[in-house]
């Protein structure tokens, strides 16, 4: 593990100490968890952005309701 010196404002340090006490872990563990969570959220946001990009334009040019009715009619024909 790499050691890093970080300076916090008084209120943030107080909150970290209280959270660490409540969770029963050292303050450094609270910071590690926060960093892991932030990185995870960032990866999820990037994955979502990639999904939006890869699906952009699918079905463009047609009225969504028309497409929906056509698909439902196909389902009805198959079950009959």
PDB file of N, CA and C in Angstrom:
ATOM      1  N   UNK A   1       0.841  -1.169   0.000  1.00  0.00           N
ATOM      2  CA  UNK A   1       0.000   0.000   0.000  1.00  0.00           C
ATOM      3  C   UNK A   1       0.892   1.240   0.000  1.00  0.00           C
ATOM      4  N   UNK A   2       0.466   2.250  -0.698  1.00  0.00           N
ATOM      5  CA  UNK A   2       1.201   3.508  -0.777  1.00  0.00           C
ATOM      6  C   UNK A   2       0.613   4.476   0.242  1.00  0.00           C
ATOM      7  N   UNK A   3       1.470   5.111   1.006  1.00  0.00           N
ATOM      8  CA  UNK A   3       1.013   6.091   1.987  1.00  0.00           C
ATOM      9  C   UNK A   3       0.905   7.456   1.326  1.00  0.00           C
ATOM     10  N   UNK A   4      -0.133   8.182   1.685  1.00  0.00           N
ATOM     11  CA  UNK A   4      -0.369   9.509   1.124  1.00  0.00           C
ATOM     12  C   UNK A   4      -0.808  10.444   2.243  1.00  0.00           C
ATOM     13  N   UNK A   5      -0.313  11.645   2.229  1.00  0.00           N
ATOM     14  CA  UNK A   5      -0.727  12.657   3.190  1.00  0.00           C
ATOM     15  C   UNK A   5      -1.845  13.472   2.551  1.00  0.00           C
ATOM     16  N   UNK A   6      -2.954  13.588   3.274  1.00  0.00           N
ATOM     17  CA  UNK A   6      -4.105  14.333   2.767  1.00  0.00           C
ATOM     18  C   UNK A   6      -4.543  15.313   3.853  1.00  0.00           C
ATOM     19  N   UNK A   7      -4.836  16.530   3.454  1.00  0.00           N
ATOM     20  CA  UNK A   7      -5.312  17.536   4.403  1.00  0.00           C
ATOM     21  C   UNK A   7      -6.820  17.711   4.220  1.00  0.00           C
ATOM     22  N   UNK A   8      -7.546  17.717   5.340  1.00  0.00           N
ATOM     23  CA  UNK A   8      -8.993  17.897   5.323  1.00  0.00           C
ATOM     24  C   UNK A   8      -9.353  19.143   6.112  1.00  0.00           C
ATOM     25  N   UNK A   9     -10.472  19.736   5.733  1.00  0.00           N
ATOM     26  CA  UNK A   9     -11.008  20.823   6.541  1.00  0.00           C
ATOM     27  C   UNK A   9     -11.485  20.252   7.868  1.00  0.00           C
ATOM     28  N   UNK A  10     -11.644  21.126   8.849  1.00  0.00           N
ATOM     29  CA  UNK A  10     -12.008  20.698  10.194  1.00  0.00           C
ATOM     30  C   UNK A  10     -13.310  19.880  10.224  1.00  0.00           C
ATOM     31  N   UNK A  11     -14.331  20.369   9.523  1.00  0.00           N
ATOM     32  CA  UNK A  11     -15.623  19.668   9.514  1.00  0.00           C
ATOM     33  C   UNK A  11     -15.521  18.298   8.836  1.00  0.00           C
ATOM     34  N   UNK A  12     -14.770  18.225   7.730  1.00  0.00           N
ATOM     35  CA  UNK A  12     -14.602  16.944   7.036  1.00  0.00           C
ATOM     36  C   UNK A  12     -13.861  15.938   7.916  1.00  0.00           C
ATOM     37  N   UNK A  13     -12.828  16.396   8.607  1.00  0.00           N
ATOM     38  CA  UNK A  13     -12.064  15.507   9.492  1.00  0.00           C
ATOM     39  C   UNK A  13     -12.940  15.017  10.634  1.00  0.00           C
ATOM     40  N   UNK A  14     -13.747  15.905  11.177  1.00  0.00           N
ATOM     41  CA  UNK A  14     -14.662  15.522  12.260  1.00  0.00           C
ATOM     42  C   UNK A  14     -15.645  14.459  11.764  1.00  0.00           C
ATOM     43  N   UNK A  15     -16.189  14.688  10.567  1.00  0.00           N
ATOM     44  CA  UNK A  15     -17.127  13.713  10.001  1.00  0.00           C
ATOM     45  C   UNK A  15     -16.443  12.362   9.782  1.00  0.00           C
ATOM     46  N   UNK A  16     -15.232  12.391   9.224  1.00  0.00           N
ATOM     47  CA  UNK A  16     -14.501  11.143   8.995  1.00  0.00           C
ATOM     48  C   UNK A  16     -14.263  10.388  10.296  1.00  0.00           C
ATOM     49  N   UNK A  17     -13.861  11.100  11.338  1.00  0.00           N
ATOM     50  CA  UNK A  17     -13.623  10.454  12.628  1.00  0.00           C
ATOM     51  C   UNK A  17     -14.912   9.845  13.185  1.00  0.00           C
ATOM     52  N   UNK A  18     -16.020  10.576  13.064  1.00  0.00           N
ATOM     53  CA  UNK A  18     -17.306  10.065  13.559  1.00  0.00           C
ATOM     54  C   UNK A  18     -17.753   8.843  12.760  1.00  0.00           C
ATOM     55  N   UNK A  19     -17.586   8.915  11.447  1.00  0.00           N
ATOM     56  CA  UNK A  19     -17.974   7.785  10.593  1.00  0.00           C
ATOM     57  C   UNK A  19     -17.122   6.563  10.902  1.00  0.00           C
ATOM     58  N   UNK A  20     -15.837   6.759  11.073  1.00  0.00           N
ATOM     59  CA  UNK A  20     -14.933   5.658  11.398  1.00  0.00           C
ATOM     60  C   UNK A  20     -15.327   5.023  12.730  1.00  0.00           C
ATOM     61  N   UNK A  21     -15.655   5.850  13.689  1.00  0.00           N
ATOM     62  CA  UNK A  21     -16.072   5.338  14.995  1.00  0.00           C
ATOM     63  C   UNK A  21     -17.367   4.539  14.873  1.00  0.00           C
ATOM     64  N   UNK A  22     -18.302   5.068  14.131  1.00  0.00           N
ATOM     65  CA  UNK A  22     -19.600   4.398  13.932  1.00  0.00           C
ATOM     66  C   UNK A  22     -19.424   3.061  13.209  1.00  0.00           C
ATOM     67  N   UNK A  23     -18.521   3.017  12.215  1.00  0.00           N
ATOM     68  CA  UNK A  23     -18.286   1.787  11.449  1.00  0.00           C
ATOM     69  C   UNK A  23     -17.310   0.843  12.132  1.00  0.00           C
ATOM     70  N   UNK A  24     -16.626   1.328  13.160  1.00  0.00           N
ATOM     71  CA  UNK A  24     -15.667   0.501  13.866  1.00  0.00           C
ATOM     72  C   UNK A  24     -14.412   0.208  13.055  1.00  0.00           C
ATOM     73  N   UNK A  25     -13.998   1.179  12.242  1.00  0.00           N
ATOM     74  CA  UNK A  25     -12.804   1.021  11.410  1.00  0.00           C
ATOM     75  C   UNK A  25     -11.942   2.275  11.548  1.00  0.00           C
ATOM     76  N   UNK A  26     -10.670   2.179  11.165  1.00  0.00           N
ATOM     77  CA  UNK A  26      -9.841   3.390  11.178  1.00  0.00           C
ATOM     78  C   UNK A  26     -10.334   4.412  10.147  1.00  0.00           C
ATOM     79  N   UNK A  27     -10.028   5.664  10.393  1.00  0.00           N
ATOM     80  CA  UNK A  27     -10.417   6.722   9.474  1.00  0.00           C
ATOM     81  C   UNK A  27      -9.860   6.468   8.077  1.00  0.00           C
ATOM     82  N   UNK A  28      -8.665   5.905   8.008  1.00  0.00           N
ATOM     83  CA  UNK A  28      -8.074   5.631   6.700  1.00  0.00           C
ATOM     84  C   UNK A  28      -8.907   4.641   5.899  1.00  0.00           C
ATOM     85  N   UNK A  29      -9.569   3.705   6.586  1.00  0.00           N
ATOM     86  CA  UNK A  29     -10.424   2.742   5.881  1.00  0.00           C
ATOM     87  C   UNK A  29     -11.652   3.437   5.305  1.00  0.00           C
ATOM     88  N   UNK A  30     -12.183   4.415   6.013  1.00  0.00           N
ATOM     89  CA  UNK A  30     -13.323   5.184   5.496  1.00  0.00           C
ATOM     90  C   UNK A  30     -12.907   5.890   4.200  1.00  0.00           C
ATOM     91  N   UNK A  31     -11.714   6.457   4.189  1.00  0.00           N
ATOM     92  CA  UNK A  31     -11.219   7.143   2.995  1.00  0.00           C
ATOM     93  C   UNK A  31     -11.023   6.137   1.861  1.00  0.00           C
ATOM     94  N   UNK A  32     -10.427   4.964   2.163  1.00  0.00           N
ATOM     95  CA  UNK A  32     -10.231   3.941   1.124  1.00  0.00           C
ATOM     96  C   UNK A  32     -11.565   3.512   0.514  1.00  0.00           C
ATOM     97  N   UNK A  33     -12.554   3.299   1.366  1.00  0.00           N
ATOM     98  CA  UNK A  33     -13.873   2.892   0.872  1.00  0.00           C
ATOM     99  C   UNK A  33     -14.484   3.971  -0.018  1.00  0.00           C
ATOM    100  N   UNK A  34     -14.313   5.214   0.387  1.00  0.00           N
ATOM    101  CA  UNK A  34     -14.866   6.323  -0.395  1.00  0.00           C
ATOM    102  C   UNK A  34     -14.207   6.390  -1.772  1.00  0.00           C
ATOM    103  N   UNK A  35     -12.895   6.200  -1.809  1.00  0.00           N
ATOM    104  CA  UNK A  35     -12.188   6.236  -3.089  1.00  0.00           C
ATOM    105  C   UNK A  35     -12.627   5.072  -3.970  1.00  0.00           C
ATOM    106  N   UNK A  36     -12.739   3.868  -3.390  1.00  0.00           N
ATOM    107  CA  UNK A  36     -13.195   2.711  -4.180  1.00  0.00           C
ATOM    108  C   UNK A  36     -14.599   2.934  -4.720  1.00  0.00           C
ATOM    109  N   UNK A  37     -15.467   3.486  -3.888  1.00  0.00           N
ATOM    110  CA  UNK A  37     -16.851   3.732  -4.320  1.00  0.00           C
ATOM    111  C   UNK A  37     -16.900   4.759  -5.446  1.00  0.00           C
ATOM    112  N   UNK A  38     -16.138   5.814  -5.314  1.00  0.00           N
ATOM    113  CA  UNK A  38     -16.102   6.849  -6.343  1.00  0.00           C
ATOM    114  C   UNK A  38     -15.582   6.272  -7.658  1.00  0.00           C
ATOM    115  N   UNK A  39     -14.535   5.457  -7.592  1.00  0.00           N
ATOM    116  CA  UNK A  39     -13.999   4.834  -8.806  1.00  0.00           C
ATOM    117  C   UNK A  39     -15.025   3.898  -9.434  1.00  0.00           C
ATOM    118  N   UNK A  40     -15.746   3.151  -8.610  1.00  0.00           N
ATOM    119  CA  UNK A  40     -16.771   2.234  -9.105  1.00  0.00           C
ATOM    120  C   UNK A  40     -17.892   3.005  -9.803  1.00  0.00           C
ATOM    121  N   UNK A  41     -18.328   4.097  -9.187  1.00  0.00           N
ATOM    122  CA  UNK A  41     -19.378   4.922  -9.793  1.00  0.00           C
ATOM    123  C   UNK A  41     -18.905   5.522 -11.107  1.00  0.00           C
ATOM    124  N   UNK A  42     -17.650   5.902 -11.158  1.00  0.00           N
ATOM    125  CA  UNK A  42     -17.096   6.473 -12.384  1.00  0.00           C
ATOM    126  C   UNK A  42     -17.068   5.430 -13.500  1.00  0.00           C
ATOM    127  N   UNK A  43     -16.671   4.197 -13.173  1.00  0.00           N
ATOM    128  CA  UNK A  43     -16.663   3.119 -14.172  1.00  0.00           C
ATOM    129  C   UNK A  43     -18.074   2.826 -14.657  1.00  0.00           C
ATOM    130  N   UNK A  44     -19.045   2.828 -13.740  1.00  0.00           N
ATOM    131  CA  UNK A  44     -20.435   2.576 -14.120  1.00  0.00           C
ATOM    132  C   UNK A  44     -20.941   3.679 -15.047  1.00  0.00           C
ATOM    133  N   UNK A  45     -20.592   4.919 -14.750  1.00  0.00           N
ATOM    134  CA  UNK A  45     -21.017   6.038 -15.600  1.00  0.00           C
ATOM    135  C   UNK A  45     -20.382   5.930 -16.981  1.00  0.00           C
ATOM    136  N   UNK A  46     -19.113   5.526 -17.033  1.00  0.00           N
ATOM    137  CA  UNK A  46     -18.446   5.362 -18.325  1.00  0.00           C
ATOM    138  C   UNK A  46     -19.086   4.234 -19.126  1.00  0.00           C
ATOM    139  N   UNK A  47     -19.411   3.124 -18.449  1.00  0.00           N
ATOM    140  CA  UNK A  47     -20.048   1.995 -19.130  1.00  0.00           C
ATOM    141  C   UNK A  47     -21.415   2.409 -19.665  1.00  0.00           C
ATOM    142  N   UNK A  48     -22.162   3.194 -18.880  1.00  0.00           N
ATOM    143  CA  UNK A  48     -23.470   3.656 -19.320  1.00  0.00           C
ATOM    144  C   UNK A  48     -23.336   4.578 -20.523  1.00  0.00           C
ATOM    145  N   UNK A  49     -22.349   5.463 -20.482  1.00  0.00           N
ATOM    146  CA  UNK A  49     -22.123   6.370 -21.610  1.00  0.00           C
ATOM    147  C   UNK A  49     -21.768   5.583 -22.872  1.00  0.00           C
ATOM    148  N   UNK A  50     -20.958   4.527 -22.715  1.00  0.00           N
ATOM    149  CA  UNK A  50     -20.614   3.685 -23.863  1.00  0.00           C
ATOM    150  C   UNK A  50     -21.847   2.967 -24.402  1.00  0.00           C
ATOM    151  N   UNK A  51     -22.710   2.500 -23.512  1.00  0.00           N
ATOM    152  CA  UNK A  51     -23.943   1.842 -23.931  1.00  0.00           C
ATOM    153  C   UNK A  51     -24.832   2.810 -24.704  1.00  0.00           C
ATOM    154  N   UNK A  52     -24.971   4.014 -24.193  1.00  0.00           N
ATOM    155  CA  UNK A  52     -25.775   5.011 -24.905  1.00  0.00           C
ATOM    156  C   UNK A  52     -25.192   5.304 -26.278  1.00  0.00           C
ATOM    157  N   UNK A  53     -23.882   5.436 -26.345  1.00  0.00           N
ATOM    158  CA  UNK A  53     -23.221   5.719 -27.616  1.00  0.00           C
ATOM    159  C   UNK A  53     -23.424   4.574 -28.603  1.00  0.00           C
ATOM    160  N   UNK A  54     -23.299   3.337 -28.120  1.00  0.00           N
ATOM    161  CA  UNK A  54     -23.403   2.187 -29.022  1.00  0.00           C
ATOM    162  C   UNK A  54     -24.827   1.941 -29.504  1.00  0.00           C
ATOM    163  N   UNK A  55     -25.817   2.440 -28.769  1.00  0.00           N
ATOM    164  CA  UNK A  55     -27.209   2.232 -29.169  1.00  0.00           C
ATOM    165  C   UNK A  55     -27.837   3.487 -29.762  1.00  0.00           C
ATOM    166  N   UNK A  56     -27.074   4.543 -29.855  1.00  0.00           N
ATOM    167  CA  UNK A  56     -27.584   5.797 -30.387  1.00  0.00           C
ATOM    168  C   UNK A  56     -28.053   5.612 -31.832  1.00  0.00           C
ATOM    169  N   UNK A  57     -29.254   6.076 -32.108  1.00  0.00           N
ATOM    170  CA  UNK A  57     -29.769   6.018 -33.472  1.00  0.00           C
ATOM    171  C   UNK A  57     -30.533   4.755 -33.807  1.00  0.00           C
ATOM    172  N   UNK A  58     -30.571   3.795 -32.898  1.00  0.00           N
ATOM    173  CA  UNK A  58     -31.326   2.576 -33.171  1.00  0.00           C
ATOM    174  C   UNK A  58     -32.794   2.952 -33.323  1.00  0.00           C
ATOM    175  N   UNK A  59     -33.392   2.557 -34.420  1.00  0.00           N
ATOM    176  CA  UNK A  59     -34.808   2.814 -34.652  1.00  0.00           C
ATOM    177  C   UNK A  59     -35.113   4.243 -35.052  1.00  0.00           C
ATOM    178  N   UNK A  60     -34.114   5.009 -35.381  1.00  0.00           N
ATOM    179  CA  UNK A  60     -34.390   6.398 -35.738  1.00  0.00           C
ATOM    180  C   UNK A  60     -35.113   6.451 -37.078  1.00  0.00           C
ATOM    181  N   UNK A  61     -35.951   7.422 -37.230  1.00  0.00           N
ATOM    182  CA  UNK A  61     -36.675   7.602 -38.476  1.00  0.00           C
ATOM    183  C   UNK A  61     -38.075   7.018 -38.437  1.00  0.00           C
ATOM    184  N   UNK A  62     -38.371   6.191 -37.448  1.00  0.00           N
ATOM    185  CA  UNK A  62     -39.714   5.618 -37.344  1.00  0.00           C
ATOM    186  C   UNK A  62     -40.365   6.098 -36.066  1.00  0.00           C
ATOM    187  N   UNK A  63     -41.667   6.209 -36.111  1.00  0.00           N
ATOM    188  CA  UNK A  63     -42.445   6.550 -34.933  1.00  0.00           C
ATOM    189  C   UNK A  63     -42.410   5.355 -33.978  1.00  0.00           C
ATOM    190  N   UNK A  64     -42.024   5.585 -32.744  1.00  0.00           N
ATOM    191  CA  UNK A  64     -41.905   4.511 -31.769  1.00  0.00           C
ATOM    192  C   UNK A  64     -43.203   3.760 -31.540  1.00  0.00           C
ATOM    193  N   UNK A  65     -44.325   4.458 -31.558  1.00  0.00           N
ATOM    194  CA  UNK A  65     -45.620   3.809 -31.352  1.00  0.00           C
ATOM    195  C   UNK A  65     -45.959   2.891 -32.522  1.00  0.00           C
ATOM    196  N   UNK A  66     -45.623   3.295 -33.728  1.00  0.00           N
ATOM    197  CA  UNK A  66     -45.859   2.459 -34.910  1.00  0.00           C
ATOM    198  C   UNK A  66     -45.040   1.183 -34.803  1.00  0.00           C
ATOM    199  N   UNK A  67     -43.785   1.306 -34.416  1.00  0.00           N
ATOM    200  CA  UNK A  67     -42.910   0.135 -34.252  1.00  0.00           C
ATOM    201  C   UNK A  67     -43.467  -0.782 -33.177  1.00  0.00           C
ATOM    202  N   UNK A  68     -43.875  -0.212 -32.059  1.00  0.00           N
ATOM    203  CA  UNK A  68     -44.413  -1.005 -30.953  1.00  0.00           C
ATOM    204  C   UNK A  68     -45.652  -1.793 -31.399  1.00  0.00           C
ATOM    205  N   UNK A  69     -46.559  -1.154 -32.094  1.00  0.00           N
ATOM    206  CA  UNK A  69     -47.775  -1.846 -32.557  1.00  0.00           C
ATOM    207  C   UNK A  69     -47.422  -2.951 -33.548  1.00  0.00           C
ATOM    208  N   UNK A  70     -46.464  -2.708 -34.442  1.00  0.00           N
ATOM    209  CA  UNK A  70     -46.058  -3.718 -35.409  1.00  0.00           C
ATOM    210  C   UNK A  70     -45.464  -4.941 -34.689  1.00  0.00           C
ATOM    211  N   UNK A  71     -44.631  -4.705 -33.701  1.00  0.00           N
ATOM    212  CA  UNK A  71     -44.031  -5.810 -32.957  1.00  0.00           C
ATOM    213  C   UNK A  71     -45.094  -6.598 -32.198  1.00  0.00           C
ATOM    214  N   UNK A  72     -46.026  -5.907 -31.592  1.00  0.00           N
ATOM    215  CA  UNK A  72     -47.088  -6.606 -30.864  1.00  0.00           C
ATOM    216  C   UNK A  72     -47.965  -7.425 -31.813  1.00  0.00           C
ATOM    217  N   UNK A  73     -48.214  -6.892 -33.003  1.00  0.00           N
ATOM    218  CA  UNK A  73     -48.980  -7.655 -33.987  1.00  0.00           C
ATOM    219  C   UNK A  73     -48.238  -8.922 -34.387  1.00  0.00           C
ATOM    220  N   UNK A  74     -46.894  -8.845 -34.489  1.00  0.00           N
ATOM    221  CA  UNK A  74     -46.093 -10.044 -34.797  1.00  0.00           C
ATOM    222  C   UNK A  74     -46.235 -11.073 -33.688  1.00  0.00           C
ATOM    223  N   UNK A  75     -46.241 -10.626 -32.440  1.00  0.00           N
ATOM    224  CA  UNK A  75     -46.382 -11.562 -31.336  1.00  0.00           C
ATOM    225  C   UNK A  75     -47.741 -12.250 -31.384  1.00  0.00           C
ATOM    226  N   UNK A  76     -48.780 -11.484 -31.699  1.00  0.00           N
ATOM    227  CA  UNK A  76     -50.133 -12.039 -31.748  1.00  0.00           C
ATOM    228  C   UNK A  76     -50.265 -13.073 -32.870  1.00  0.00           C
ATOM    229  N   UNK A  77     -49.636 -12.830 -34.019  1.00  0.00           N
ATOM    230  CA  UNK A  77     -49.710 -13.772 -35.145  1.00  0.00           C
ATOM    231  C   UNK A  77     -48.999 -15.073 -34.802  1.00  0.00           C
ATOM    232  N   UNK A  78     -47.885 -14.980 -34.066  1.00  0.00           N
ATOM    233  CA  UNK A  78     -47.114 -16.184 -33.726  1.00  0.00           C
ATOM    234  C   UNK A  78     -47.856 -17.062 -32.732  1.00  0.00           C
ATOM    235  N   UNK A  79     -48.605 -16.448 -31.829  1.00  0.00           N
ATOM    236  CA  UNK A  79     -49.293 -17.247 -30.800  1.00  0.00           C
ATOM    237  C   UNK A  79     -50.623 -17.806 -31.309  1.00  0.00           C
ATOM    238  N   UNK A  80     -51.104 -17.335 -32.421  1.00  0.00           N
ATOM    239  CA  UNK A  80     -52.403 -17.788 -32.924  1.00  0.00           C
ATOM    240  C   UNK A  80     -52.279 -19.090 -33.699  1.00  0.00           C
TER     241      UNK A  80
END
